[in-house]
């Protein structure tokens, strides 16, 4: 009697006396029980975006681990450790305070210049540091990208998460200065949270878009620090939006970062609700750019290992 398909004959060689009852069925592993991932051609579509977001939720633990790793490595063997998260905005605050109170004057609406500039530096540094680090993040781990599968956007997102932690640490300094200068807070400070969320989403979209390009053209990583320096001075960080001539303000606010930074300062320091028209426009541009940046990144993901 032959052995059934998928079973192994356990009868000892040369011993036929045991009969058919001695055949022990041993099921061999079937390839049908293994999960199969089909790598499809790159596609720039909403479906690609939705599938990417669903897959990303299955790798939340990896995103958390890499984010903690970013912070651990950044401050490892550092004497000041986590204090560096606050030292950078403080140093810039001092430089700009000396420059724009001693050398020239900037209208602040009666707000002391140190907290005026720091309240805009914090969201700007959140945006610029996450974009700068995330753009070059993929090319820093070529072996990781070529030898194992995971959603590639986890690497840029981990840099963004680390920047958010730094922002929270530096915000403690802003709170202390608000107490020092006796600035009265109002309920409008609650707007700060959705504004920072929108800014983080725009930073994520920007990082995804440029990091996908940087894998193929390394000029992007070289040009990004200079681009962000210029970008900062076209954003109301060291000056107020009111300083921009009214006829240019509409074009100026085409940049959603400008509207979000000004809205953050207005909500935290001035006690005035952000302009809803400006905030809505910034939110719309942010979401559109994030969707387009994410779709482009996912469309490029399949070929990243071939060109990195």
C-alpha atoms as a PDB file:
ATOM      1  CA  UNK A   1       0.000   0.000   0.000  1.00  0.00           C
ATOM      2  CA  UNK A   2       1.492   3.405  -0.990  1.00  0.00           C
ATOM      3  CA  UNK A   3       2.051   6.237   1.407  1.00  0.00           C
ATOM      4  CA  UNK A   4      -0.642   8.971   1.113  1.00  0.00           C
ATOM      5  CA  UNK A   5       0.440  12.371  -0.211  1.00  0.00           C
ATOM      6  CA  UNK A   6       1.715  14.685   2.548  1.00  0.00           C
ATOM      7  CA  UNK A   7       2.669  11.722   4.859  1.00  0.00           C
ATOM      8  CA  UNK A   8       5.940   9.970   5.632  1.00  0.00           C
ATOM      9  CA  UNK A   9       6.195   6.160   5.896  1.00  0.00           C
ATOM     10  CA  UNK A  10       7.455   5.459   9.422  1.00  0.00           C
ATOM     11  CA  UNK A  11       7.868   1.652   8.881  1.00  0.00           C
ATOM     12  CA  UNK A  12      11.490   0.531   9.446  1.00  0.00           C
ATOM     13  CA  UNK A  13      13.321  -0.488   6.288  1.00  0.00           C
ATOM     14  CA  UNK A  14      13.001  -4.202   5.499  1.00  0.00           C
ATOM     15  CA  UNK A  15      10.195  -4.806   8.026  1.00  0.00           C
ATOM     16  CA  UNK A  16       6.819  -5.400   6.324  1.00  0.00           C
ATOM     17  CA  UNK A  17       5.292  -7.390   9.173  1.00  0.00           C
ATOM     18  CA  UNK A  18       3.728  -4.428  10.915  1.00  0.00           C
ATOM     19  CA  UNK A  19       1.208  -3.824   8.172  1.00  0.00           C
ATOM     20  CA  UNK A  20      -0.603  -0.644   7.200  1.00  0.00           C
ATOM     21  CA  UNK A  21      -1.534   0.206  10.794  1.00  0.00           C
ATOM     22  CA  UNK A  22       2.115   1.007  11.561  1.00  0.00           C
ATOM     23  CA  UNK A  23       2.182   3.934   9.146  1.00  0.00           C
ATOM     24  CA  UNK A  24       2.228   7.114  11.246  1.00  0.00           C
ATOM     25  CA  UNK A  25       0.959  10.211   9.399  1.00  0.00           C
ATOM     26  CA  UNK A  26       3.398  13.123   9.591  1.00  0.00           C
ATOM     27  CA  UNK A  27       2.109  16.294   7.974  1.00  0.00           C
ATOM     28  CA  UNK A  28       4.781  18.223   6.119  1.00  0.00           C
ATOM     29  CA  UNK A  29       4.666  22.037   6.269  1.00  0.00           C
ATOM     30  CA  UNK A  30       2.666  23.470   3.416  1.00  0.00           C
ATOM     31  CA  UNK A  31       3.640  26.635   1.624  1.00  0.00           C
ATOM     32  CA  UNK A  32      -0.043  27.567   1.538  1.00  0.00           C
ATOM     33  CA  UNK A  33       0.008  28.300   5.312  1.00  0.00           C
ATOM     34  CA  UNK A  34       2.760  30.922   4.983  1.00  0.00           C
ATOM     35  CA  UNK A  35       1.849  34.593   4.498  1.00  0.00           C
ATOM     36  CA  UNK A  36       2.600  35.746   1.000  1.00  0.00           C
ATOM     37  CA  UNK A  37       3.531  39.352   0.247  1.00  0.00           C
ATOM     38  CA  UNK A  38       3.139  40.369  -3.363  1.00  0.00           C
ATOM     39  CA  UNK A  39       5.456  43.184  -4.459  1.00  0.00           C
ATOM     40  CA  UNK A  40       3.508  45.059  -7.096  1.00  0.00           C
ATOM     41  CA  UNK A  41       4.748  47.688  -9.563  1.00  0.00           C
ATOM     42  CA  UNK A  42       4.977  51.223  -8.120  1.00  0.00           C
ATOM     43  CA  UNK A  43       1.645  53.043  -8.213  1.00  0.00           C
ATOM     44  CA  UNK A  44       0.822  56.643  -7.380  1.00  0.00           C
ATOM     45  CA  UNK A  45      -2.691  56.291  -5.986  1.00  0.00           C
ATOM     46  CA  UNK A  46      -4.917  56.752  -2.973  1.00  0.00           C
ATOM     47  CA  UNK A  47      -5.122  52.963  -2.625  1.00  0.00           C
ATOM     48  CA  UNK A  48      -1.343  52.840  -2.180  1.00  0.00           C
ATOM     49  CA  UNK A  49      -1.624  55.465   0.559  1.00  0.00           C
ATOM     50  CA  UNK A  50      -4.395  53.659   2.435  1.00  0.00           C
ATOM     51  CA  UNK A  51      -2.600  50.306   2.238  1.00  0.00           C
ATOM     52  CA  UNK A  52       0.554  51.985   3.528  1.00  0.00           C
ATOM     53  CA  UNK A  53      -1.240  53.485   6.530  1.00  0.00           C
ATOM     54  CA  UNK A  54      -2.848  50.137   7.390  1.00  0.00           C
ATOM     55  CA  UNK A  55       0.493  48.347   7.141  1.00  0.00           C
ATOM     56  CA  UNK A  56       2.138  51.038   9.263  1.00  0.00           C
ATOM     57  CA  UNK A  57      -0.197  50.283  12.177  1.00  0.00           C
ATOM     58  CA  UNK A  58       1.175  46.730  12.276  1.00  0.00           C
ATOM     59  CA  UNK A  59       4.695  48.101  12.797  1.00  0.00           C
ATOM     60  CA  UNK A  60       3.907  50.566  15.605  1.00  0.00           C
ATOM     61  CA  UNK A  61       6.328  48.786  17.933  1.00  0.00           C
ATOM     62  CA  UNK A  62       9.163  49.216  15.414  1.00  0.00           C
ATOM     63  CA  UNK A  63       8.368  52.923  15.063  1.00  0.00           C
ATOM     64  CA  UNK A  64       8.495  53.304  18.858  1.00  0.00           C
ATOM     65  CA  UNK A  65      11.779  51.381  19.106  1.00  0.00           C
ATOM     66  CA  UNK A  66      13.488  53.424  16.380  1.00  0.00           C
ATOM     67  CA  UNK A  67      12.253  56.707  17.880  1.00  0.00           C
ATOM     68  CA  UNK A  68      13.709  55.800  21.274  1.00  0.00           C
ATOM     69  CA  UNK A  69      16.897  54.726  19.520  1.00  0.00           C
ATOM     70  CA  UNK A  70      17.194  58.153  17.852  1.00  0.00           C
ATOM     71  CA  UNK A  71      17.017  59.924  21.205  1.00  0.00           C
ATOM     72  CA  UNK A  72      19.345  57.473  22.951  1.00  0.00           C
ATOM     73  CA  UNK A  73      22.053  57.722  20.308  1.00  0.00           C
ATOM     74  CA  UNK A  74      21.753  61.507  20.026  1.00  0.00           C
ATOM     75  CA  UNK A  75      22.492  62.130  23.698  1.00  0.00           C
ATOM     76  CA  UNK A  76      24.721  59.140  24.395  1.00  0.00           C
ATOM     77  CA  UNK A  77      28.050  60.000  26.077  1.00  0.00           C
ATOM     78  CA  UNK A  78      26.960  63.634  26.333  1.00  0.00           C
ATOM     79  CA  UNK A  79      27.713  65.560  29.513  1.00  0.00           C
ATOM     80  CA  UNK A  80      24.598  67.724  29.219  1.00  0.00           C
ATOM     81  CA  UNK A  81      22.404  64.952  27.829  1.00  0.00           C
ATOM     82  CA  UNK A  82      18.789  65.944  27.281  1.00  0.00           C
ATOM     83  CA  UNK A  83      19.583  69.569  28.092  1.00  0.00           C
ATOM     84  CA  UNK A  84      20.812  69.932  24.502  1.00  0.00           C
ATOM     85  CA  UNK A  85      17.172  69.863  23.387  1.00  0.00           C
ATOM     86  CA  UNK A  86      16.715  73.254  25.077  1.00  0.00           C
ATOM     87  CA  UNK A  87      20.184  74.710  24.503  1.00  0.00           C
ATOM     88  CA  UNK A  88      19.803  75.125  20.740  1.00  0.00           C
ATOM     89  CA  UNK A  89      16.644  77.293  20.863  1.00  0.00           C
ATOM     90  CA  UNK A  90      18.050  79.194  23.858  1.00  0.00           C
ATOM     91  CA  UNK A  91      21.283  79.994  22.019  1.00  0.00           C
ATOM     92  CA  UNK A  92      19.379  81.163  18.940  1.00  0.00           C
ATOM     93  CA  UNK A  93      17.062  83.209  21.156  1.00  0.00           C
ATOM     94  CA  UNK A  94      20.037  85.031  22.687  1.00  0.00           C
ATOM     95  CA  UNK A  95      21.638  85.726  19.301  1.00  0.00           C
ATOM     96  CA  UNK A  96      18.451  87.087  17.748  1.00  0.00           C
ATOM     97  CA  UNK A  97      17.625  89.076  20.876  1.00  0.00           C
ATOM     98  CA  UNK A  98      20.971  90.877  20.723  1.00  0.00           C
ATOM     99  CA  UNK A  99      20.664  91.407  16.974  1.00  0.00           C
ATOM    100  CA  UNK A 100      17.081  92.645  16.886  1.00  0.00           C
ATOM    101  CA  UNK A 101      17.100  94.722  20.062  1.00  0.00           C
ATOM    102  CA  UNK A 102      20.600  96.259  19.961  1.00  0.00           C
ATOM    103  CA  UNK A 103      21.423  96.469  16.263  1.00  0.00           C
ATOM    104  CA  UNK A 104      17.937  96.998  14.860  1.00  0.00           C
ATOM    105  CA  UNK A 105      14.383  97.032  16.133  1.00  0.00           C
ATOM    106  CA  UNK A 106      11.498  94.708  15.394  1.00  0.00           C
ATOM    107  CA  UNK A 107       7.878  95.468  16.271  1.00  0.00           C
ATOM    108  CA  UNK A 108       6.581  92.876  18.739  1.00  0.00           C
ATOM    109  CA  UNK A 109       3.350  94.491  19.916  1.00  0.00           C
ATOM    110  CA  UNK A 110       4.749  95.090  23.408  1.00  0.00           C
ATOM    111  CA  UNK A 111       5.838  91.466  23.953  1.00  0.00           C
ATOM    112  CA  UNK A 112       9.398  91.051  25.309  1.00  0.00           C
ATOM    113  CA  UNK A 113      11.546  89.996  22.381  1.00  0.00           C
ATOM    114  CA  UNK A 114      13.122  86.887  24.017  1.00  0.00           C
ATOM    115  CA  UNK A 115       9.780  85.076  24.380  1.00  0.00           C
ATOM    116  CA  UNK A 116       8.506  86.643  21.138  1.00  0.00           C
ATOM    117  CA  UNK A 117      11.235  84.939  19.129  1.00  0.00           C
ATOM    118  CA  UNK A 118      11.395  81.754  21.226  1.00  0.00           C
ATOM    119  CA  UNK A 119       7.679  81.086  20.739  1.00  0.00           C
ATOM    120  CA  UNK A 120       8.306  80.936  16.988  1.00  0.00           C
ATOM    121  CA  UNK A 121      11.701  79.219  17.155  1.00  0.00           C
ATOM    122  CA  UNK A 122      10.275  76.147  18.896  1.00  0.00           C
ATOM    123  CA  UNK A 123       7.781  75.174  16.154  1.00  0.00           C
ATOM    124  CA  UNK A 124      10.289  76.144  13.468  1.00  0.00           C
ATOM    125  CA  UNK A 125      13.047  73.961  14.954  1.00  0.00           C
ATOM    126  CA  UNK A 126      10.543  71.103  15.224  1.00  0.00           C
ATOM    127  CA  UNK A 127       9.895  71.417  11.502  1.00  0.00           C
ATOM    128  CA  UNK A 128      13.443  72.058  10.290  1.00  0.00           C
ATOM    129  CA  UNK A 129      15.256  69.478  12.429  1.00  0.00           C
ATOM    130  CA  UNK A 130      12.846  66.676  11.595  1.00  0.00           C
ATOM    131  CA  UNK A 131      13.048  67.422   7.855  1.00  0.00           C
ATOM    132  CA  UNK A 132      16.844  67.781   7.833  1.00  0.00           C
ATOM    133  CA  UNK A 133      17.443  64.495   9.645  1.00  0.00           C
ATOM    134  CA  UNK A 134      14.656  62.514   7.982  1.00  0.00           C
ATOM    135  CA  UNK A 135      15.684  63.393   4.428  1.00  0.00           C
ATOM    136  CA  UNK A 136      19.072  61.700   4.831  1.00  0.00           C
ATOM    137  CA  UNK A 137      17.777  58.956   7.145  1.00  0.00           C
ATOM    138  CA  UNK A 138      17.116  56.339   4.473  1.00  0.00           C
ATOM    139  CA  UNK A 139      20.585  56.524   2.943  1.00  0.00           C
ATOM    140  CA  UNK A 140      22.140  56.115   6.398  1.00  0.00           C
ATOM    141  CA  UNK A 141      20.858  52.516   6.578  1.00  0.00           C
ATOM    142  CA  UNK A 142      21.434  50.890   3.149  1.00  0.00           C
ATOM    143  CA  UNK A 143      21.927  47.398   4.597  1.00  0.00           C
ATOM    144  CA  UNK A 144      18.672  47.632   6.523  1.00  0.00           C
ATOM    145  CA  UNK A 145      16.734  48.588   3.414  1.00  0.00           C
ATOM    146  CA  UNK A 146      18.200  45.884   1.200  1.00  0.00           C
ATOM    147  CA  UNK A 147      18.029  42.900   3.576  1.00  0.00           C
ATOM    148  CA  UNK A 148      14.662  43.049   5.318  1.00  0.00           C
ATOM    149  CA  UNK A 149      11.138  44.293   4.733  1.00  0.00           C
ATOM    150  CA  UNK A 150       9.389  46.931   6.797  1.00  0.00           C
ATOM    151  CA  UNK A 151       7.504  50.105   5.816  1.00  0.00           C
ATOM    152  CA  UNK A 152      10.312  52.463   4.794  1.00  0.00           C
ATOM    153  CA  UNK A 153       8.445  55.525   6.047  1.00  0.00           C
ATOM    154  CA  UNK A 154       9.131  54.359   9.599  1.00  0.00           C
ATOM    155  CA  UNK A 155      12.656  55.784   9.333  1.00  0.00           C
ATOM    156  CA  UNK A 156      11.571  59.382   8.494  1.00  0.00           C
ATOM    157  CA  UNK A 157       8.725  59.163  11.010  1.00  0.00           C
ATOM    158  CA  UNK A 158      11.144  58.124  13.774  1.00  0.00           C
ATOM    159  CA  UNK A 159      13.140  61.330  13.245  1.00  0.00           C
ATOM    160  CA  UNK A 160       9.925  63.331  13.427  1.00  0.00           C
ATOM    161  CA  UNK A 161       8.948  61.622  16.693  1.00  0.00           C
ATOM    162  CA  UNK A 162      12.345  62.450  18.196  1.00  0.00           C
ATOM    163  CA  UNK A 163      11.939  66.101  17.148  1.00  0.00           C
ATOM    164  CA  UNK A 164       8.532  66.224  18.871  1.00  0.00           C
ATOM    165  CA  UNK A 165      10.138  65.021  22.117  1.00  0.00           C
ATOM    166  CA  UNK A 166      12.786  67.752  21.833  1.00  0.00           C
ATOM    167  CA  UNK A 167      10.011  70.298  21.244  1.00  0.00           C
ATOM    168  CA  UNK A 168       8.245  69.215  24.437  1.00  0.00           C
ATOM    169  CA  UNK A 169      11.463  69.577  26.456  1.00  0.00           C
ATOM    170  CA  UNK A 170      12.200  73.039  25.051  1.00  0.00           C
ATOM    171  CA  UNK A 171       8.596  74.114  25.697  1.00  0.00           C
ATOM    172  CA  UNK A 172       9.361  73.936  29.415  1.00  0.00           C
ATOM    173  CA  UNK A 173      11.845  76.801  28.912  1.00  0.00           C
ATOM    174  CA  UNK A 174       9.190  78.804  27.080  1.00  0.00           C
ATOM    175  CA  UNK A 175       6.815  78.248  29.994  1.00  0.00           C
ATOM    176  CA  UNK A 176       9.410  79.463  32.486  1.00  0.00           C
ATOM    177  CA  UNK A 177      10.050  82.612  30.446  1.00  0.00           C
ATOM    178  CA  UNK A 178       6.314  83.295  30.222  1.00  0.00           C
ATOM    179  CA  UNK A 179       6.216  83.190  34.023  1.00  0.00           C
ATOM    180  CA  UNK A 180       9.372  85.326  34.249  1.00  0.00           C
ATOM    181  CA  UNK A 181       7.924  88.059  32.021  1.00  0.00           C
ATOM    182  CA  UNK A 182       4.457  87.733  33.598  1.00  0.00           C
ATOM    183  CA  UNK A 183       2.647  87.091  30.332  1.00  0.00           C
ATOM    184  CA  UNK A 184      -0.994  86.264  30.980  1.00  0.00           C
ATOM    185  CA  UNK A 185      -2.108  83.024  29.341  1.00  0.00           C
ATOM    186  CA  UNK A 186      -5.665  82.599  28.102  1.00  0.00           C
ATOM    187  CA  UNK A 187      -7.824  79.750  26.833  1.00  0.00           C
ATOM    188  CA  UNK A 188      -6.415  80.364  23.329  1.00  0.00           C
ATOM    189  CA  UNK A 189      -3.304  78.408  24.360  1.00  0.00           C
ATOM    190  CA  UNK A 190      -5.411  75.306  23.645  1.00  0.00           C
ATOM    191  CA  UNK A 191      -5.007  76.073  19.938  1.00  0.00           C
ATOM    192  CA  UNK A 192      -1.310  75.256  20.293  1.00  0.00           C
ATOM    193  CA  UNK A 193      -1.886  71.489  20.213  1.00  0.00           C
ATOM    194  CA  UNK A 194      -3.768  71.249  16.873  1.00  0.00           C
ATOM    195  CA  UNK A 195      -1.341  73.777  15.366  1.00  0.00           C
ATOM    196  CA  UNK A 196       1.659  71.622  16.326  1.00  0.00           C
ATOM    197  CA  UNK A 197      -0.123  68.516  15.008  1.00  0.00           C
ATOM    198  CA  UNK A 198      -0.649  70.232  11.650  1.00  0.00           C
ATOM    199  CA  UNK A 199       2.974  71.378  11.596  1.00  0.00           C
ATOM    200  CA  UNK A 200       4.149  67.811  12.313  1.00  0.00           C
ATOM    201  CA  UNK A 201       1.952  66.476   9.495  1.00  0.00           C
ATOM    202  CA  UNK A 202       3.409  69.007   7.067  1.00  0.00           C
ATOM    203  CA  UNK A 203       6.926  68.115   8.232  1.00  0.00           C
ATOM    204  CA  UNK A 204       6.119  64.431   7.655  1.00  0.00           C
ATOM    205  CA  UNK A 205       4.890  65.103   4.122  1.00  0.00           C
ATOM    206  CA  UNK A 206       7.939  67.226   3.341  1.00  0.00           C
ATOM    207  CA  UNK A 207      10.321  64.622   4.767  1.00  0.00           C
ATOM    208  CA  UNK A 208       8.690  61.755   2.859  1.00  0.00           C
ATOM    209  CA  UNK A 209       8.765  63.619  -0.446  1.00  0.00           C
ATOM    210  CA  UNK A 210      12.370  64.799  -0.261  1.00  0.00           C
ATOM    211  CA  UNK A 211      13.734  61.597   1.312  1.00  0.00           C
ATOM    212  CA  UNK A 212      12.331  59.575  -1.608  1.00  0.00           C
ATOM    213  CA  UNK A 213      14.106  61.911  -4.027  1.00  0.00           C
ATOM    214  CA  UNK A 214      17.298  61.886  -1.952  1.00  0.00           C
ATOM    215  CA  UNK A 215      17.645  58.110  -2.382  1.00  0.00           C
ATOM    216  CA  UNK A 216      18.216  58.732  -6.102  1.00  0.00           C
ATOM    217  CA  UNK A 217      19.781  62.188  -6.059  1.00  0.00           C
ATOM    218  CA  UNK A 218      22.023  62.941  -3.068  1.00  0.00           C
ATOM    219  CA  UNK A 219      22.077  66.636  -3.990  1.00  0.00           C
ATOM    220  CA  UNK A 220      18.838  66.991  -2.024  1.00  0.00           C
ATOM    221  CA  UNK A 221      20.532  66.216   1.276  1.00  0.00           C
ATOM    222  CA  UNK A 222      23.356  68.643   0.519  1.00  0.00           C
ATOM    223  CA  UNK A 223      20.997  71.460  -0.438  1.00  0.00           C
ATOM    224  CA  UNK A 224      18.456  70.973   2.354  1.00  0.00           C
ATOM    225  CA  UNK A 225      20.305  72.861   5.166  1.00  0.00           C
ATOM    226  CA  UNK A 226      20.728  75.905   2.912  1.00  0.00           C
ATOM    227  CA  UNK A 227      17.124  75.696   1.737  1.00  0.00           C
ATOM    228  CA  UNK A 228      15.861  75.619   5.321  1.00  0.00           C
ATOM    229  CA  UNK A 229      18.012  78.612   6.293  1.00  0.00           C
ATOM    230  CA  UNK A 230      16.431  80.646   3.514  1.00  0.00           C
ATOM    231  CA  UNK A 231      13.005  79.220   4.390  1.00  0.00           C
ATOM    232  CA  UNK A 232      13.313  80.414   7.986  1.00  0.00           C
ATOM    233  CA  UNK A 233      13.735  84.037   6.942  1.00  0.00           C
ATOM    234  CA  UNK A 234      10.620  83.813   4.770  1.00  0.00           C
ATOM    235  CA  UNK A 235       8.714  82.661   7.866  1.00  0.00           C
ATOM    236  CA  UNK A 236       7.682  85.031  10.713  1.00  0.00           C
ATOM    237  CA  UNK A 237      10.174  83.690  13.238  1.00  0.00           C
ATOM    238  CA  UNK A 238      12.411  86.648  14.062  1.00  0.00           C
ATOM    239  CA  UNK A 239       9.756  89.178  13.053  1.00  0.00           C
ATOM    240  CA  UNK A 240       5.968  89.318  13.092  1.00  0.00           C
ATOM    241  CA  UNK A 241       3.561  88.813  10.223  1.00  0.00           C
ATOM    242  CA  UNK A 242       2.407  92.410  10.708  1.00  0.00           C
ATOM    243  CA  UNK A 243       5.866  93.532   9.552  1.00  0.00           C
ATOM    244  CA  UNK A 244       5.176  92.096   6.080  1.00  0.00           C
ATOM    245  CA  UNK A 245       3.582  94.648   3.708  1.00  0.00           C
ATOM    246  CA  UNK A 246      -0.121  93.927   3.290  1.00  0.00           C
ATOM    247  CA  UNK A 247       0.135  93.658  -0.510  1.00  0.00           C
ATOM    248  CA  UNK A 248       2.621  90.797  -0.180  1.00  0.00           C
ATOM    249  CA  UNK A 249       0.986  89.006   2.724  1.00  0.00           C
ATOM    250  CA  UNK A 250      -1.312  86.858   0.566  1.00  0.00           C
ATOM    251  CA  UNK A 251       1.641  85.410  -1.341  1.00  0.00           C
ATOM    252  CA  UNK A 252       3.635  85.134   1.850  1.00  0.00           C
ATOM    253  CA  UNK A 253       1.005  82.891   3.424  1.00  0.00           C
ATOM    254  CA  UNK A 254       1.110  80.418   0.530  1.00  0.00           C
ATOM    255  CA  UNK A 255       3.682  78.730   2.758  1.00  0.00           C
ATOM    256  CA  UNK A 256       1.665  76.851   5.414  1.00  0.00           C
ATOM    257  CA  UNK A 257       4.611  76.954   7.838  1.00  0.00           C
ATOM    258  CA  UNK A 258       4.346  80.754   7.965  1.00  0.00           C
ATOM    259  CA  UNK A 259       0.670  80.599   8.890  1.00  0.00           C
ATOM    260  CA  UNK A 260       1.166  77.861  11.482  1.00  0.00           C
ATOM    261  CA  UNK A 261       4.120  79.549  13.204  1.00  0.00           C
ATOM    262  CA  UNK A 262       2.276  82.878  13.378  1.00  0.00           C
ATOM    263  CA  UNK A 263      -0.856  81.130  14.674  1.00  0.00           C
ATOM    264  CA  UNK A 264       1.153  79.360  17.382  1.00  0.00           C
ATOM    265  CA  UNK A 265       2.701  82.617  18.595  1.00  0.00           C
ATOM    266  CA  UNK A 266      -0.667  84.384  18.525  1.00  0.00           C
ATOM    267  CA  UNK A 267      -2.399  81.646  20.516  1.00  0.00           C
ATOM    268  CA  UNK A 268       0.303  81.274  23.162  1.00  0.00           C
ATOM    269  CA  UNK A 269       1.510  84.842  23.756  1.00  0.00           C
ATOM    270  CA  UNK A 270      -1.047  87.308  22.472  1.00  0.00           C
ATOM    271  CA  UNK A 271      -4.103  85.481  23.804  1.00  0.00           C
ATOM    272  CA  UNK A 272      -5.830  85.954  20.484  1.00  0.00           C
ATOM    273  CA  UNK A 273      -7.483  83.115  18.543  1.00  0.00           C
ATOM    274  CA  UNK A 274      -5.665  82.395  15.286  1.00  0.00           C
ATOM    275  CA  UNK A 275      -7.177  83.754  12.112  1.00  0.00           C
ATOM    276  CA  UNK A 276      -9.483  80.895  11.121  1.00  0.00           C
ATOM    277  CA  UNK A 277      -9.190  81.683   7.418  1.00  0.00           C
ATOM    278  CA  UNK A 278      -5.396  81.549   7.561  1.00  0.00           C
ATOM    279  CA  UNK A 279      -5.417  78.452   9.772  1.00  0.00           C
ATOM    280  CA  UNK A 280      -7.908  76.629   7.536  1.00  0.00           C
ATOM    281  CA  UNK A 281      -5.863  77.420   4.452  1.00  0.00           C
ATOM    282  CA  UNK A 282      -2.676  76.164   6.138  1.00  0.00           C
ATOM    283  CA  UNK A 283      -4.482  72.995   7.242  1.00  0.00           C
ATOM    284  CA  UNK A 284      -5.782  72.321   3.717  1.00  0.00           C
ATOM    285  CA  UNK A 285      -2.342  72.776   2.124  1.00  0.00           C
ATOM    286  CA  UNK A 286      -0.798  70.622   4.859  1.00  0.00           C
ATOM    287  CA  UNK A 287      -3.154  67.700   4.286  1.00  0.00           C
ATOM    288  CA  UNK A 288      -2.851  67.874   0.484  1.00  0.00           C
ATOM    289  CA  UNK A 289       0.931  67.978   0.669  1.00  0.00           C
ATOM    290  CA  UNK A 290       1.048  65.093   3.140  1.00  0.00           C
ATOM    291  CA  UNK A 291      -1.168  62.908   0.949  1.00  0.00           C
ATOM    292  CA  UNK A 292       0.861  63.696  -2.184  1.00  0.00           C
ATOM    293  CA  UNK A 293       4.183  63.243  -0.377  1.00  0.00           C
ATOM    294  CA  UNK A 294       3.102  59.931   1.156  1.00  0.00           C
ATOM    295  CA  UNK A 295       1.788  58.592  -2.173  1.00  0.00           C
ATOM    296  CA  UNK A 296       5.004  59.564  -3.944  1.00  0.00           C
ATOM    297  CA  UNK A 297       7.073  57.907  -1.213  1.00  0.00           C
ATOM    298  CA  UNK A 298       5.078  54.665  -1.394  1.00  0.00           C
ATOM    299  CA  UNK A 299       5.264  54.688  -5.190  1.00  0.00           C
ATOM    300  CA  UNK A 300       9.069  54.977  -4.937  1.00  0.00           C
ATOM    301  CA  UNK A 301       9.450  52.481  -2.088  1.00  0.00           C
ATOM    302  CA  UNK A 302       9.549  49.352  -4.267  1.00  0.00           C
ATOM    303  CA  UNK A 303      12.696  50.471  -6.114  1.00  0.00           C
ATOM    304  CA  UNK A 304      14.600  52.099  -3.225  1.00  0.00           C
ATOM    305  CA  UNK A 305      16.688  49.004  -2.515  1.00  0.00           C
ATOM    306  CA  UNK A 306      17.839  48.938  -6.142  1.00  0.00           C
ATOM    307  CA  UNK A 307      19.204  52.491  -6.232  1.00  0.00           C
ATOM    308  CA  UNK A 308      20.285  53.251  -2.659  1.00  0.00           C
END
